[in-house]
C-alpha atoms as a PDB file:
ATOM      1  CA  UNK A   1      25.371 101.597  52.918  1.00  0.00           C
ATOM      2  CA  UNK A   2      28.754 101.143  54.617  1.00  0.00           C
ATOM      3  CA  UNK A   3      27.157  98.643  57.003  1.00  0.00           C
ATOM      4  CA  UNK A   4      26.271  96.236  54.173  1.00  0.00           C
ATOM      5  CA  UNK A   5      29.502  96.672  52.235  1.00  0.00           C
ATOM      6  CA  UNK A   6      28.220  98.722  49.306  1.00  0.00           C
ATOM      7  CA  UNK A   7      30.324 101.787  50.152  1.00  0.00           C
ATOM      8  CA  UNK A   8      33.643 102.369  51.836  1.00  0.00           C
ATOM      9  CA  UNK A   9      33.956 105.126  54.466  1.00  0.00           C
ATOM     10  CA  UNK A  10      35.976 108.226  53.670  1.00  0.00           C
ATOM     11  CA  UNK A  11      39.286 108.917  55.393  1.00  0.00           C
ATOM     12  CA  UNK A  12      37.542 111.592  57.456  1.00  0.00           C
ATOM     13  CA  UNK A  13      34.886 109.104  58.561  1.00  0.00           C
ATOM     14  CA  UNK A  14      37.563 106.561  59.523  1.00  0.00           C
ATOM     15  CA  UNK A  15      39.338 109.200  61.604  1.00  0.00           C
ATOM     16  CA  UNK A  16      36.090 110.091  63.376  1.00  0.00           C
ATOM     17  CA  UNK A  17      35.291 106.423  64.042  1.00  0.00           C
ATOM     18  CA  UNK A  18      38.764 105.855  65.457  1.00  0.00           C
ATOM     19  CA  UNK A  19      38.486 108.951  67.645  1.00  0.00           C
ATOM     20  CA  UNK A  20      35.102 107.789  68.961  1.00  0.00           C
ATOM     21  CA  UNK A  21      36.597 104.386  69.775  1.00  0.00           C
ATOM     22  CA  UNK A  22      39.681 106.055  71.299  1.00  0.00           C
ATOM     23  CA  UNK A  23      42.067 104.142  69.035  1.00  0.00           C
ATOM     24  CA  UNK A  24      44.457 105.015  66.215  1.00  0.00           C
ATOM     25  CA  UNK A  25      42.836 104.851  62.794  1.00  0.00           C
ATOM     26  CA  UNK A  26      45.282 102.138  61.643  1.00  0.00           C
ATOM     27  CA  UNK A  27      43.899  99.882  64.399  1.00  0.00           C
ATOM     28  CA  UNK A  28      40.607  99.736  62.505  1.00  0.00           C
ATOM     29  CA  UNK A  29      42.381  97.476  60.005  1.00  0.00           C
ATOM     30  CA  UNK A  30      44.805  95.708  62.312  1.00  0.00           C
ATOM     31  CA  UNK A  31      44.362  92.039  63.096  1.00  0.00           C
ATOM     32  CA  UNK A  32      46.937  92.291  65.875  1.00  0.00           C
ATOM     33  CA  UNK A  33      44.397  93.921  68.195  1.00  0.00           C
ATOM     34  CA  UNK A  34      42.201  91.128  69.402  1.00  0.00           C
ATOM     35  CA  UNK A  35      38.753  91.375  70.977  1.00  0.00           C
ATOM     36  CA  UNK A  36      40.222  89.724  74.063  1.00  0.00           C
ATOM     37  CA  UNK A  37      42.741  92.554  74.447  1.00  0.00           C
ATOM     38  CA  UNK A  38      39.999  95.134  74.040  1.00  0.00           C
ATOM     39  CA  UNK A  39      37.933  93.401  76.724  1.00  0.00           C
ATOM     40  CA  UNK A  40      40.922  93.259  79.066  1.00  0.00           C
ATOM     41  CA  UNK A  41      41.521  96.991  78.552  1.00  0.00           C
ATOM     42  CA  UNK A  42      37.856  97.737  79.229  1.00  0.00           C
ATOM     43  CA  UNK A  43      37.857  95.573  82.367  1.00  0.00           C
ATOM     44  CA  UNK A  44      40.978  97.314  83.648  1.00  0.00           C
ATOM     45  CA  UNK A  45      39.460 100.748  83.055  1.00  0.00           C
ATOM     46  CA  UNK A  46      36.154  99.797  84.691  1.00  0.00           C
ATOM     47  CA  UNK A  47      37.871  98.314  87.750  1.00  0.00           C
ATOM     48  CA  UNK A  48      40.152 101.330  88.096  1.00  0.00           C
ATOM     49  CA  UNK A  49      37.196 103.722  87.954  1.00  0.00           C
ATOM     50  CA  UNK A  50      35.208 101.520  90.335  1.00  0.00           C
ATOM     51  CA  UNK A  51      38.049 101.539  92.872  1.00  0.00           C
ATOM     52  CA  UNK A  52      38.222 105.336  92.730  1.00  0.00           C
ATOM     53  CA  UNK A  53      34.450 105.701  93.077  1.00  0.00           C
ATOM     54  CA  UNK A  54      34.302 103.341  96.046  1.00  0.00           C
ATOM     55  CA  UNK A  55      37.169 105.111  97.775  1.00  0.00           C
ATOM     56  CA  UNK A  56      35.524 108.514  97.262  1.00  0.00           C
ATOM     57  CA  UNK A  57      32.172 107.225  98.513  1.00  0.00           C
ATOM     58  CA  UNK A  58      33.745 105.667 101.606  1.00  0.00           C
ATOM     59  CA  UNK A  59      35.699 108.830 102.403  1.00  0.00           C
ATOM     60  CA  UNK A  60      32.578 110.946 101.979  1.00  0.00           C
ATOM     61  CA  UNK A  61      30.497 108.622 104.177  1.00  0.00           C
ATOM     62  CA  UNK A  62      33.242 108.543 106.810  1.00  0.00           C
ATOM     63  CA  UNK A  63      33.499 112.329 106.883  1.00  0.00           C
ATOM     64  CA  UNK A  64      29.737 112.754 107.020  1.00  0.00           C
ATOM     65  CA  UNK A  65      29.331 110.236 109.842  1.00  0.00           C
ATOM     66  CA  UNK A  66      32.235 111.518 111.916  1.00  0.00           C
ATOM     67  CA  UNK A  67      31.975 115.262 111.310  1.00  0.00           C
ATOM     68  CA  UNK A  68      31.933 116.107 114.998  1.00  0.00           C
ATOM     69  CA  UNK A  69      34.318 113.417 116.182  1.00  0.00           C
ATOM     70  CA  UNK A  70      37.607 114.912 117.361  1.00  0.00           C
ATOM     71  CA  UNK A  71      39.518 111.665 116.738  1.00  0.00           C
ATOM     72  CA  UNK A  72      38.196 111.431 113.174  1.00  0.00           C
ATOM     73  CA  UNK A  73      40.114 114.528 112.152  1.00  0.00           C
ATOM     74  CA  UNK A  74      43.396 113.014 113.329  1.00  0.00           C
ATOM     75  CA  UNK A  75      42.785 109.519 111.920  1.00  0.00           C
ATOM     76  CA  UNK A  76      41.303 110.493 108.554  1.00  0.00           C
ATOM     77  CA  UNK A  77      42.430 108.422 105.589  1.00  0.00           C
ATOM     78  CA  UNK A  78      44.498 110.385 103.061  1.00  0.00           C
ATOM     79  CA  UNK A  79      42.753 111.156  99.784  1.00  0.00           C
ATOM     80  CA  UNK A  80      44.321 111.557  96.354  1.00  0.00           C
END
């Protein structure tokens, strides 16, 4: 019934919702946090993870393709 405004969630439920959204519980009621800011944060996180995944995939493909190449061992890109 919370969804249609007939009940208000308990403090425990608000804490769990905030934890699931990875925000502070006071942000559930804040108007300072805009949807645009949330989208920007999501985009940043997605791009960061995408960059890491691409780098790992390229390094793995490079190592697999050049396993026997003597020059590949000396010119290998550093990994984090």
